[in-house]
């Protein structure tokens, strides 16, 4: 009898150890996860030649083009799991600032301007594995709304758009079109424990933006208009730390 009672603590200890050894549910139906990290945006850009619609006689600037810089910013994502495998993510963050540089016949102008890009996205994701998997790859497809703010043209571009030949000198501003765009997303999550995880993903956004540059003389009268189309198609990487609640 004493021997039997002496075995009980050992069995209890083994049971507790086994319980701690069981994988905790990392992501399951009803869970919410917040990720904070670093967005890196790398445009795969091209552009149409700059074309003047006013004065119409100027026409297209042959050989003109533009390139767009990379950008980095703080990212925030909120994910809700509807099942153990299906989730919906809202991607947000501080709008990154891109710089635009002249190419071809516009290269002597150097930097043409800068702007902030707003592109919140909603992405539906399918996670492979089960809720107890430590490593969970995923694929996703979603939609983003893209618009721009803080558009600031360089002095060199303003001088060119409002030059004396057009009735200047003066200043210039730019309008960038907004649009909806699809988002293709792949990535993986590594779960350290039930609460904390590390995430990495890559997203591709097929994106075009129409730009109009308006030159004005010192009296504010419009003296030139020029247009171009920028193909941006950014590749977006997101490295983040996640917390489940």
C-alpha atoms as a PDB file:
ATOM      1  CA  UNK A   1       0.000   0.000   0.000  1.00  0.00           C
ATOM      2  CA  UNK A   2       2.807   2.411   0.942  1.00  0.00           C
ATOM      3  CA  UNK A   3       4.553   1.525  -2.302  1.00  0.00           C
ATOM      4  CA  UNK A   4       1.407   2.363  -4.267  1.00  0.00           C
ATOM      5  CA  UNK A   5       1.125   5.760  -2.565  1.00  0.00           C
ATOM      6  CA  UNK A   6       4.805   6.484  -3.264  1.00  0.00           C
ATOM      7  CA  UNK A   7       4.207   6.032  -6.991  1.00  0.00           C
ATOM      8  CA  UNK A   8       1.408   8.635  -7.102  1.00  0.00           C
ATOM      9  CA  UNK A   9       3.707  11.730  -6.853  1.00  0.00           C
ATOM     10  CA  UNK A  10       5.796  10.352  -9.700  1.00  0.00           C
ATOM     11  CA  UNK A  11       2.719   9.838 -11.870  1.00  0.00           C
ATOM     12  CA  UNK A  12       1.532  13.358 -11.058  1.00  0.00           C
ATOM     13  CA  UNK A  13       4.922  14.814 -11.944  1.00  0.00           C
ATOM     14  CA  UNK A  14       4.952  12.951 -15.269  1.00  0.00           C
ATOM     15  CA  UNK A  15       1.404  14.186 -16.010  1.00  0.00           C
ATOM     16  CA  UNK A  16       2.371  17.837 -15.347  1.00  0.00           C
ATOM     17  CA  UNK A  17       5.473  17.516 -17.527  1.00  0.00           C
ATOM     18  CA  UNK A  18       3.404  15.962 -20.309  1.00  0.00           C
ATOM     19  CA  UNK A  19       0.893  18.795 -20.099  1.00  0.00           C
ATOM     20  CA  UNK A  20       3.618  21.407 -20.523  1.00  0.00           C
ATOM     21  CA  UNK A  21       5.086  19.398 -23.397  1.00  0.00           C
ATOM     22  CA  UNK A  22       1.850  19.526 -25.387  1.00  0.00           C
ATOM     23  CA  UNK A  23       1.869  22.199 -28.119  1.00  0.00           C
ATOM     24  CA  UNK A  24      -0.247  25.212 -27.211  1.00  0.00           C
ATOM     25  CA  UNK A  25      -2.783  26.440 -29.755  1.00  0.00           C
ATOM     26  CA  UNK A  26      -0.935  29.150 -31.663  1.00  0.00           C
ATOM     27  CA  UNK A  27      -3.722  30.341 -33.958  1.00  0.00           C
ATOM     28  CA  UNK A  28      -7.257  29.033 -33.814  1.00  0.00           C
ATOM     29  CA  UNK A  29     -10.815  30.152 -34.534  1.00  0.00           C
ATOM     30  CA  UNK A  30     -11.698  33.356 -32.705  1.00  0.00           C
ATOM     31  CA  UNK A  31      -8.114  34.480 -32.074  1.00  0.00           C
ATOM     32  CA  UNK A  32      -6.953  38.053 -32.693  1.00  0.00           C
ATOM     33  CA  UNK A  33      -3.306  38.845 -33.443  1.00  0.00           C
ATOM     34  CA  UNK A  34      -1.579  42.209 -33.681  1.00  0.00           C
ATOM     35  CA  UNK A  35       1.714  42.440 -35.608  1.00  0.00           C
ATOM     36  CA  UNK A  36       4.095  45.383 -35.437  1.00  0.00           C
ATOM     37  CA  UNK A  37       7.147  45.579 -37.666  1.00  0.00           C
ATOM     38  CA  UNK A  38       8.955  46.957 -40.685  1.00  0.00           C
ATOM     39  CA  UNK A  39       7.547  47.446 -44.184  1.00  0.00           C
ATOM     40  CA  UNK A  40      10.046  47.693 -47.048  1.00  0.00           C
ATOM     41  CA  UNK A  41       8.611  48.790 -50.400  1.00  0.00           C
ATOM     42  CA  UNK A  42      10.597  48.248 -53.599  1.00  0.00           C
ATOM     43  CA  UNK A  43       8.918  49.596 -56.753  1.00  0.00           C
ATOM     44  CA  UNK A  44       9.342  47.776 -60.069  1.00  0.00           C
ATOM     45  CA  UNK A  45       8.693  51.012 -61.880  1.00  0.00           C
ATOM     46  CA  UNK A  46       8.419  52.333 -65.404  1.00  0.00           C
ATOM     47  CA  UNK A  47       6.855  55.482 -66.832  1.00  0.00           C
ATOM     48  CA  UNK A  48       5.311  56.957 -69.947  1.00  0.00           C
ATOM     49  CA  UNK A  49       7.090  59.929 -71.553  1.00  0.00           C
ATOM     50  CA  UNK A  50       6.020  63.310 -70.190  1.00  0.00           C
ATOM     51  CA  UNK A  51       3.483  64.930 -72.519  1.00  0.00           C
ATOM     52  CA  UNK A  52       2.457  68.604 -72.475  1.00  0.00           C
ATOM     53  CA  UNK A  53      -1.218  69.245 -73.157  1.00  0.00           C
ATOM     54  CA  UNK A  54      -0.674  72.976 -72.590  1.00  0.00           C
ATOM     55  CA  UNK A  55       1.004  74.451 -74.576  1.00  0.00           C
ATOM     56  CA  UNK A  56      -0.106  71.666 -76.927  1.00  0.00           C
ATOM     57  CA  UNK A  57       2.638  72.573 -79.395  1.00  0.00           C
ATOM     58  CA  UNK A  58       5.284  71.239 -76.983  1.00  0.00           C
ATOM     59  CA  UNK A  59       3.796  67.729 -77.148  1.00  0.00           C
ATOM     60  CA  UNK A  60       5.696  64.694 -75.858  1.00  0.00           C
ATOM     61  CA  UNK A  61       9.189  65.094 -74.407  1.00  0.00           C
ATOM     62  CA  UNK A  62      11.003  62.353 -76.318  1.00  0.00           C
ATOM     63  CA  UNK A  63      13.143  60.062 -74.175  1.00  0.00           C
ATOM     64  CA  UNK A  64      11.731  61.352 -70.886  1.00  0.00           C
ATOM     65  CA  UNK A  65      11.163  58.933 -67.992  1.00  0.00           C
ATOM     66  CA  UNK A  66      11.189  58.741 -64.224  1.00  0.00           C
ATOM     67  CA  UNK A  67      12.223  56.329 -61.481  1.00  0.00           C
ATOM     68  CA  UNK A  68      10.937  55.864 -57.931  1.00  0.00           C
ATOM     69  CA  UNK A  69      12.990  55.254 -54.798  1.00  0.00           C
ATOM     70  CA  UNK A  70      12.563  52.416 -52.302  1.00  0.00           C
ATOM     71  CA  UNK A  71      10.837  53.262 -49.031  1.00  0.00           C
ATOM     72  CA  UNK A  72      10.685  51.957 -45.457  1.00  0.00           C
ATOM     73  CA  UNK A  73       8.093  52.529 -42.766  1.00  0.00           C
ATOM     74  CA  UNK A  74       6.557  51.194 -39.554  1.00  0.00           C
ATOM     75  CA  UNK A  75       3.858  48.616 -40.211  1.00  0.00           C
ATOM     76  CA  UNK A  76       0.842  47.457 -38.218  1.00  0.00           C
ATOM     77  CA  UNK A  77      -1.398  44.484 -38.990  1.00  0.00           C
ATOM     78  CA  UNK A  78      -4.504  43.154 -37.252  1.00  0.00           C
ATOM     79  CA  UNK A  79      -5.571  39.553 -37.961  1.00  0.00           C
ATOM     80  CA  UNK A  80      -8.754  37.741 -36.938  1.00  0.00           C
ATOM     81  CA  UNK A  81      -9.060  33.950 -37.355  1.00  0.00           C
ATOM     82  CA  UNK A  82     -12.541  32.858 -38.396  1.00  0.00           C
ATOM     83  CA  UNK A  83     -11.463  29.189 -38.449  1.00  0.00           C
ATOM     84  CA  UNK A  84      -8.194  27.459 -37.536  1.00  0.00           C
ATOM     85  CA  UNK A  85      -6.997  28.066 -41.108  1.00  0.00           C
ATOM     86  CA  UNK A  86      -8.888  31.043 -42.535  1.00  0.00           C
ATOM     87  CA  UNK A  87      -8.143  34.594 -41.380  1.00  0.00           C
ATOM     88  CA  UNK A  88      -8.663  38.188 -42.452  1.00  0.00           C
ATOM     89  CA  UNK A  89      -5.880  40.765 -42.012  1.00  0.00           C
ATOM     90  CA  UNK A  90      -6.023  44.574 -42.091  1.00  0.00           C
ATOM     91  CA  UNK A  91      -2.616  46.034 -43.024  1.00  0.00           C
ATOM     92  CA  UNK A  92      -1.935  49.594 -41.900  1.00  0.00           C
ATOM     93  CA  UNK A  93       1.126  51.661 -41.020  1.00  0.00           C
ATOM     94  CA  UNK A  94       2.767  55.041 -41.310  1.00  0.00           C
ATOM     95  CA  UNK A  95       2.514  56.152 -44.977  1.00  0.00           C
ATOM     96  CA  UNK A  96       5.975  55.817 -46.583  1.00  0.00           C
ATOM     97  CA  UNK A  97       7.536  58.711 -48.483  1.00  0.00           C
ATOM     98  CA  UNK A  98       8.738  58.030 -52.033  1.00  0.00           C
ATOM     99  CA  UNK A  99      11.110  60.165 -54.086  1.00  0.00           C
ATOM    100  CA  UNK A 100      10.786  60.555 -57.853  1.00  0.00           C
ATOM    101  CA  UNK A 101      13.867  61.054 -60.031  1.00  0.00           C
ATOM    102  CA  UNK A 102      14.151  62.159 -63.635  1.00  0.00           C
ATOM    103  CA  UNK A 103      15.437  59.715 -66.230  1.00  0.00           C
ATOM    104  CA  UNK A 104      16.442  59.969 -69.868  1.00  0.00           C
ATOM    105  CA  UNK A 105      16.031  63.536 -71.066  1.00  0.00           C
ATOM    106  CA  UNK A 106      14.733  64.504 -67.594  1.00  0.00           C
ATOM    107  CA  UNK A 107      17.835  63.178 -65.833  1.00  0.00           C
ATOM    108  CA  UNK A 108      19.479  66.659 -65.622  1.00  0.00           C
ATOM    109  CA  UNK A 109      16.602  67.757 -63.352  1.00  0.00           C
ATOM    110  CA  UNK A 110      17.656  65.223 -60.691  1.00  0.00           C
ATOM    111  CA  UNK A 111      15.006  64.736 -58.026  1.00  0.00           C
ATOM    112  CA  UNK A 112      11.585  65.645 -59.406  1.00  0.00           C
ATOM    113  CA  UNK A 113       9.618  65.500 -56.182  1.00  0.00           C
ATOM    114  CA  UNK A 114       8.348  63.406 -53.298  1.00  0.00           C
ATOM    115  CA  UNK A 115       5.023  62.163 -51.967  1.00  0.00           C
ATOM    116  CA  UNK A 116       3.517  60.000 -49.236  1.00  0.00           C
ATOM    117  CA  UNK A 117       1.626  56.888 -50.303  1.00  0.00           C
ATOM    118  CA  UNK A 118      -1.396  55.706 -48.339  1.00  0.00           C
ATOM    119  CA  UNK A 119      -2.278  52.081 -49.077  1.00  0.00           C
ATOM    120  CA  UNK A 120      -4.304  50.327 -46.343  1.00  0.00           C
ATOM    121  CA  UNK A 121      -5.179  46.792 -47.365  1.00  0.00           C
ATOM    122  CA  UNK A 122      -7.526  43.979 -46.378  1.00  0.00           C
ATOM    123  CA  UNK A 123      -6.217  40.489 -47.152  1.00  0.00           C
ATOM    124  CA  UNK A 124      -7.936  37.096 -46.861  1.00  0.00           C
ATOM    125  CA  UNK A 125      -5.399  34.432 -45.840  1.00  0.00           C
ATOM    126  CA  UNK A 126      -5.271  30.655 -45.733  1.00  0.00           C
ATOM    127  CA  UNK A 127      -2.870  29.188 -43.137  1.00  0.00           C
ATOM    128  CA  UNK A 128      -1.466  25.715 -43.726  1.00  0.00           C
ATOM    129  CA  UNK A 129      -0.941  23.203 -40.934  1.00  0.00           C
ATOM    130  CA  UNK A 130      -3.113  23.071 -37.825  1.00  0.00           C
ATOM    131  CA  UNK A 131      -3.609  25.346 -34.849  1.00  0.00           C
ATOM    132  CA  UNK A 132      -0.753  23.703 -32.938  1.00  0.00           C
ATOM    133  CA  UNK A 133       1.847  23.994 -35.726  1.00  0.00           C
ATOM    134  CA  UNK A 134       4.889  26.004 -34.734  1.00  0.00           C
ATOM    135  CA  UNK A 135       5.613  27.044 -38.318  1.00  0.00           C
ATOM    136  CA  UNK A 136       2.622  28.067 -40.439  1.00  0.00           C
ATOM    137  CA  UNK A 137       3.004  29.171 -44.070  1.00  0.00           C
ATOM    138  CA  UNK A 138       0.130  31.110 -45.602  1.00  0.00           C
ATOM    139  CA  UNK A 139      -1.128  32.524 -48.883  1.00  0.00           C
ATOM    140  CA  UNK A 140      -3.411  35.510 -49.260  1.00  0.00           C
ATOM    141  CA  UNK A 141      -5.328  37.651 -51.696  1.00  0.00           C
ATOM    142  CA  UNK A 142      -6.768  41.065 -50.974  1.00  0.00           C
ATOM    143  CA  UNK A 143      -7.479  44.631 -52.000  1.00  0.00           C
ATOM    144  CA  UNK A 144      -5.885  47.995 -51.267  1.00  0.00           C
ATOM    145  CA  UNK A 145      -6.951  51.598 -51.752  1.00  0.00           C
ATOM    146  CA  UNK A 146      -4.026  53.807 -52.792  1.00  0.00           C
ATOM    147  CA  UNK A 147      -3.832  57.600 -52.631  1.00  0.00           C
ATOM    148  CA  UNK A 148      -1.147  60.242 -52.113  1.00  0.00           C
ATOM    149  CA  UNK A 149      -0.544  63.239 -49.896  1.00  0.00           C
ATOM    150  CA  UNK A 150       2.226  65.762 -49.193  1.00  0.00           C
ATOM    151  CA  UNK A 151       3.086  65.942 -52.894  1.00  0.00           C
ATOM    152  CA  UNK A 152       6.079  68.286 -53.156  1.00  0.00           C
ATOM    153  CA  UNK A 153       7.776  69.106 -56.473  1.00  0.00           C
ATOM    154  CA  UNK A 154      11.449  70.027 -56.610  1.00  0.00           C
ATOM    155  CA  UNK A 155      12.514  73.531 -57.565  1.00  0.00           C
ATOM    156  CA  UNK A 156      14.140  72.180 -60.729  1.00  0.00           C
ATOM    157  CA  UNK A 157      10.874  70.631 -61.949  1.00  0.00           C
ATOM    158  CA  UNK A 158       8.836  73.695 -60.989  1.00  0.00           C
ATOM    159  CA  UNK A 159      11.206  75.940 -62.923  1.00  0.00           C
ATOM    160  CA  UNK A 160      10.901  73.683 -65.962  1.00  0.00           C
ATOM    161  CA  UNK A 161       7.082  73.505 -65.814  1.00  0.00           C
ATOM    162  CA  UNK A 162       6.691  77.287 -65.325  1.00  0.00           C
ATOM    163  CA  UNK A 163       9.592  78.565 -67.403  1.00  0.00           C
ATOM    164  CA  UNK A 164       9.568  81.962 -69.138  1.00  0.00           C
ATOM    165  CA  UNK A 165       8.783  80.351 -72.502  1.00  0.00           C
ATOM    166  CA  UNK A 166       5.395  79.372 -71.055  1.00  0.00           C
ATOM    167  CA  UNK A 167       4.738  82.756 -69.445  1.00  0.00           C
ATOM    168  CA  UNK A 168       6.691  82.238 -66.206  1.00  0.00           C
ATOM    169  CA  UNK A 169       8.668  82.264 -64.051  1.00  0.00           C
ATOM    170  CA  UNK A 170       6.308  80.719 -61.560  1.00  0.00           C
ATOM    171  CA  UNK A 171       5.550  77.593 -59.553  1.00  0.00           C
ATOM    172  CA  UNK A 172       4.130  74.126 -60.227  1.00  0.00           C
ATOM    173  CA  UNK A 173       2.025  71.546 -58.397  1.00  0.00           C
ATOM    174  CA  UNK A 174       1.126  67.941 -59.165  1.00  0.00           C
ATOM    175  CA  UNK A 175      -1.975  65.777 -58.883  1.00  0.00           C
ATOM    176  CA  UNK A 176      -1.586  61.997 -58.465  1.00  0.00           C
ATOM    177  CA  UNK A 177      -4.564  59.756 -59.115  1.00  0.00           C
ATOM    178  CA  UNK A 178      -5.938  57.351 -56.500  1.00  0.00           C
ATOM    179  CA  UNK A 179      -6.981  53.806 -57.322  1.00  0.00           C
ATOM    180  CA  UNK A 180      -7.973  50.359 -56.094  1.00  0.00           C
ATOM    181  CA  UNK A 181      -5.462  47.539 -56.604  1.00  0.00           C
ATOM    182  CA  UNK A 182      -5.302  43.797 -55.862  1.00  0.00           C
ATOM    183  CA  UNK A 183      -2.755  42.395 -53.403  1.00  0.00           C
ATOM    184  CA  UNK A 184      -1.116  38.949 -53.697  1.00  0.00           C
ATOM    185  CA  UNK A 185       0.519  37.804 -50.460  1.00  0.00           C
ATOM    186  CA  UNK A 186       2.626  34.851 -49.249  1.00  0.00           C
ATOM    187  CA  UNK A 187       4.423  34.399 -45.955  1.00  0.00           C
ATOM    188  CA  UNK A 188       4.936  32.366 -42.815  1.00  0.00           C
ATOM    189  CA  UNK A 189       4.518  32.671 -39.065  1.00  0.00           C
ATOM    190  CA  UNK A 190       6.833  31.108 -36.479  1.00  0.00           C
ATOM    191  CA  UNK A 191       5.149  30.670 -33.105  1.00  0.00           C
ATOM    192  CA  UNK A 192       7.461  30.962 -30.091  1.00  0.00           C
ATOM    193  CA  UNK A 193       4.654  30.090 -27.679  1.00  0.00           C
ATOM    194  CA  UNK A 194       0.904  30.516 -27.320  1.00  0.00           C
ATOM    195  CA  UNK A 195       1.111  34.337 -27.325  1.00  0.00           C
ATOM    196  CA  UNK A 196       4.188  35.485 -29.260  1.00  0.00           C
ATOM    197  CA  UNK A 197       5.203  34.912 -32.868  1.00  0.00           C
ATOM    198  CA  UNK A 198       7.505  36.140 -35.626  1.00  0.00           C
ATOM    199  CA  UNK A 199       6.058  36.864 -39.062  1.00  0.00           C
ATOM    200  CA  UNK A 200       7.495  37.450 -42.520  1.00  0.00           C
ATOM    201  CA  UNK A 201       5.533  38.074 -45.707  1.00  0.00           C
ATOM    202  CA  UNK A 202       5.959  39.290 -49.272  1.00  0.00           C
ATOM    203  CA  UNK A 203       3.192  41.107 -51.146  1.00  0.00           C
ATOM    204  CA  UNK A 204       2.905  42.206 -54.769  1.00  0.00           C
ATOM    205  CA  UNK A 205       0.657  45.091 -55.839  1.00  0.00           C
ATOM    206  CA  UNK A 206       0.072  45.791 -59.564  1.00  0.00           C
ATOM    207  CA  UNK A 207      -0.314  49.566 -59.435  1.00  0.00           C
ATOM    208  CA  UNK A 208      -0.436  52.472 -61.889  1.00  0.00           C
ATOM    209  CA  UNK A 209      -0.776  56.166 -61.090  1.00  0.00           C
ATOM    210  CA  UNK A 210      -1.584  59.051 -63.429  1.00  0.00           C
ATOM    211  CA  UNK A 211       0.310  62.257 -62.706  1.00  0.00           C
ATOM    212  CA  UNK A 212      -0.590  65.769 -63.881  1.00  0.00           C
ATOM    213  CA  UNK A 213       1.847  68.646 -63.412  1.00  0.00           C
ATOM    214  CA  UNK A 214       0.356  72.153 -63.498  1.00  0.00           C
ATOM    215  CA  UNK A 215       2.567  75.215 -63.955  1.00  0.00           C
ATOM    216  CA  UNK A 216       1.411  78.685 -62.907  1.00  0.00           C
ATOM    217  CA  UNK A 217       2.901  82.159 -63.264  1.00  0.00           C
ATOM    218  CA  UNK A 218       3.355  84.489 -60.311  1.00  0.00           C
ATOM    219  CA  UNK A 219      -0.216  85.734 -60.737  1.00  0.00           C
ATOM    220  CA  UNK A 220      -1.536  82.164 -60.313  1.00  0.00           C
ATOM    221  CA  UNK A 221      -2.625  81.743 -63.930  1.00  0.00           C
ATOM    222  CA  UNK A 222      -2.158  78.248 -65.369  1.00  0.00           C
ATOM    223  CA  UNK A 223       0.494  78.406 -68.082  1.00  0.00           C
ATOM    224  CA  UNK A 224       1.319  74.706 -68.586  1.00  0.00           C
ATOM    225  CA  UNK A 225      -0.085  71.233 -68.089  1.00  0.00           C
ATOM    226  CA  UNK A 226       1.777  67.969 -68.570  1.00  0.00           C
ATOM    227  CA  UNK A 227       0.801  64.356 -67.906  1.00  0.00           C
ATOM    228  CA  UNK A 228       2.427  60.969 -67.512  1.00  0.00           C
ATOM    229  CA  UNK A 229       1.563  57.511 -66.186  1.00  0.00           C
ATOM    230  CA  UNK A 230       3.747  55.841 -63.567  1.00  0.00           C
ATOM    231  CA  UNK A 231       3.738  52.061 -63.267  1.00  0.00           C
ATOM    232  CA  UNK A 232       4.861  51.326 -59.707  1.00  0.00           C
ATOM    233  CA  UNK A 233       4.117  47.602 -59.063  1.00  0.00           C
ATOM    234  CA  UNK A 234       5.764  47.524 -55.611  1.00  0.00           C
ATOM    235  CA  UNK A 235       7.089  44.396 -53.924  1.00  0.00           C
ATOM    236  CA  UNK A 236       6.378  44.816 -50.196  1.00  0.00           C
ATOM    237  CA  UNK A 237       8.130  42.808 -47.481  1.00  0.00           C
ATOM    238  CA  UNK A 238       6.909  42.824 -43.872  1.00  0.00           C
ATOM    239  CA  UNK A 239       8.987  41.545 -40.949  1.00  0.00           C
ATOM    240  CA  UNK A 240       7.074  41.723 -37.688  1.00  0.00           C
ATOM    241  CA  UNK A 241       6.486  40.485 -34.154  1.00  0.00           C
ATOM    242  CA  UNK A 242       2.993  39.270 -33.318  1.00  0.00           C
ATOM    243  CA  UNK A 243       1.007  39.052 -30.072  1.00  0.00           C
ATOM    244  CA  UNK A 244      -2.204  37.044 -29.668  1.00  0.00           C
ATOM    245  CA  UNK A 245      -5.027  38.185 -27.419  1.00  0.00           C
END
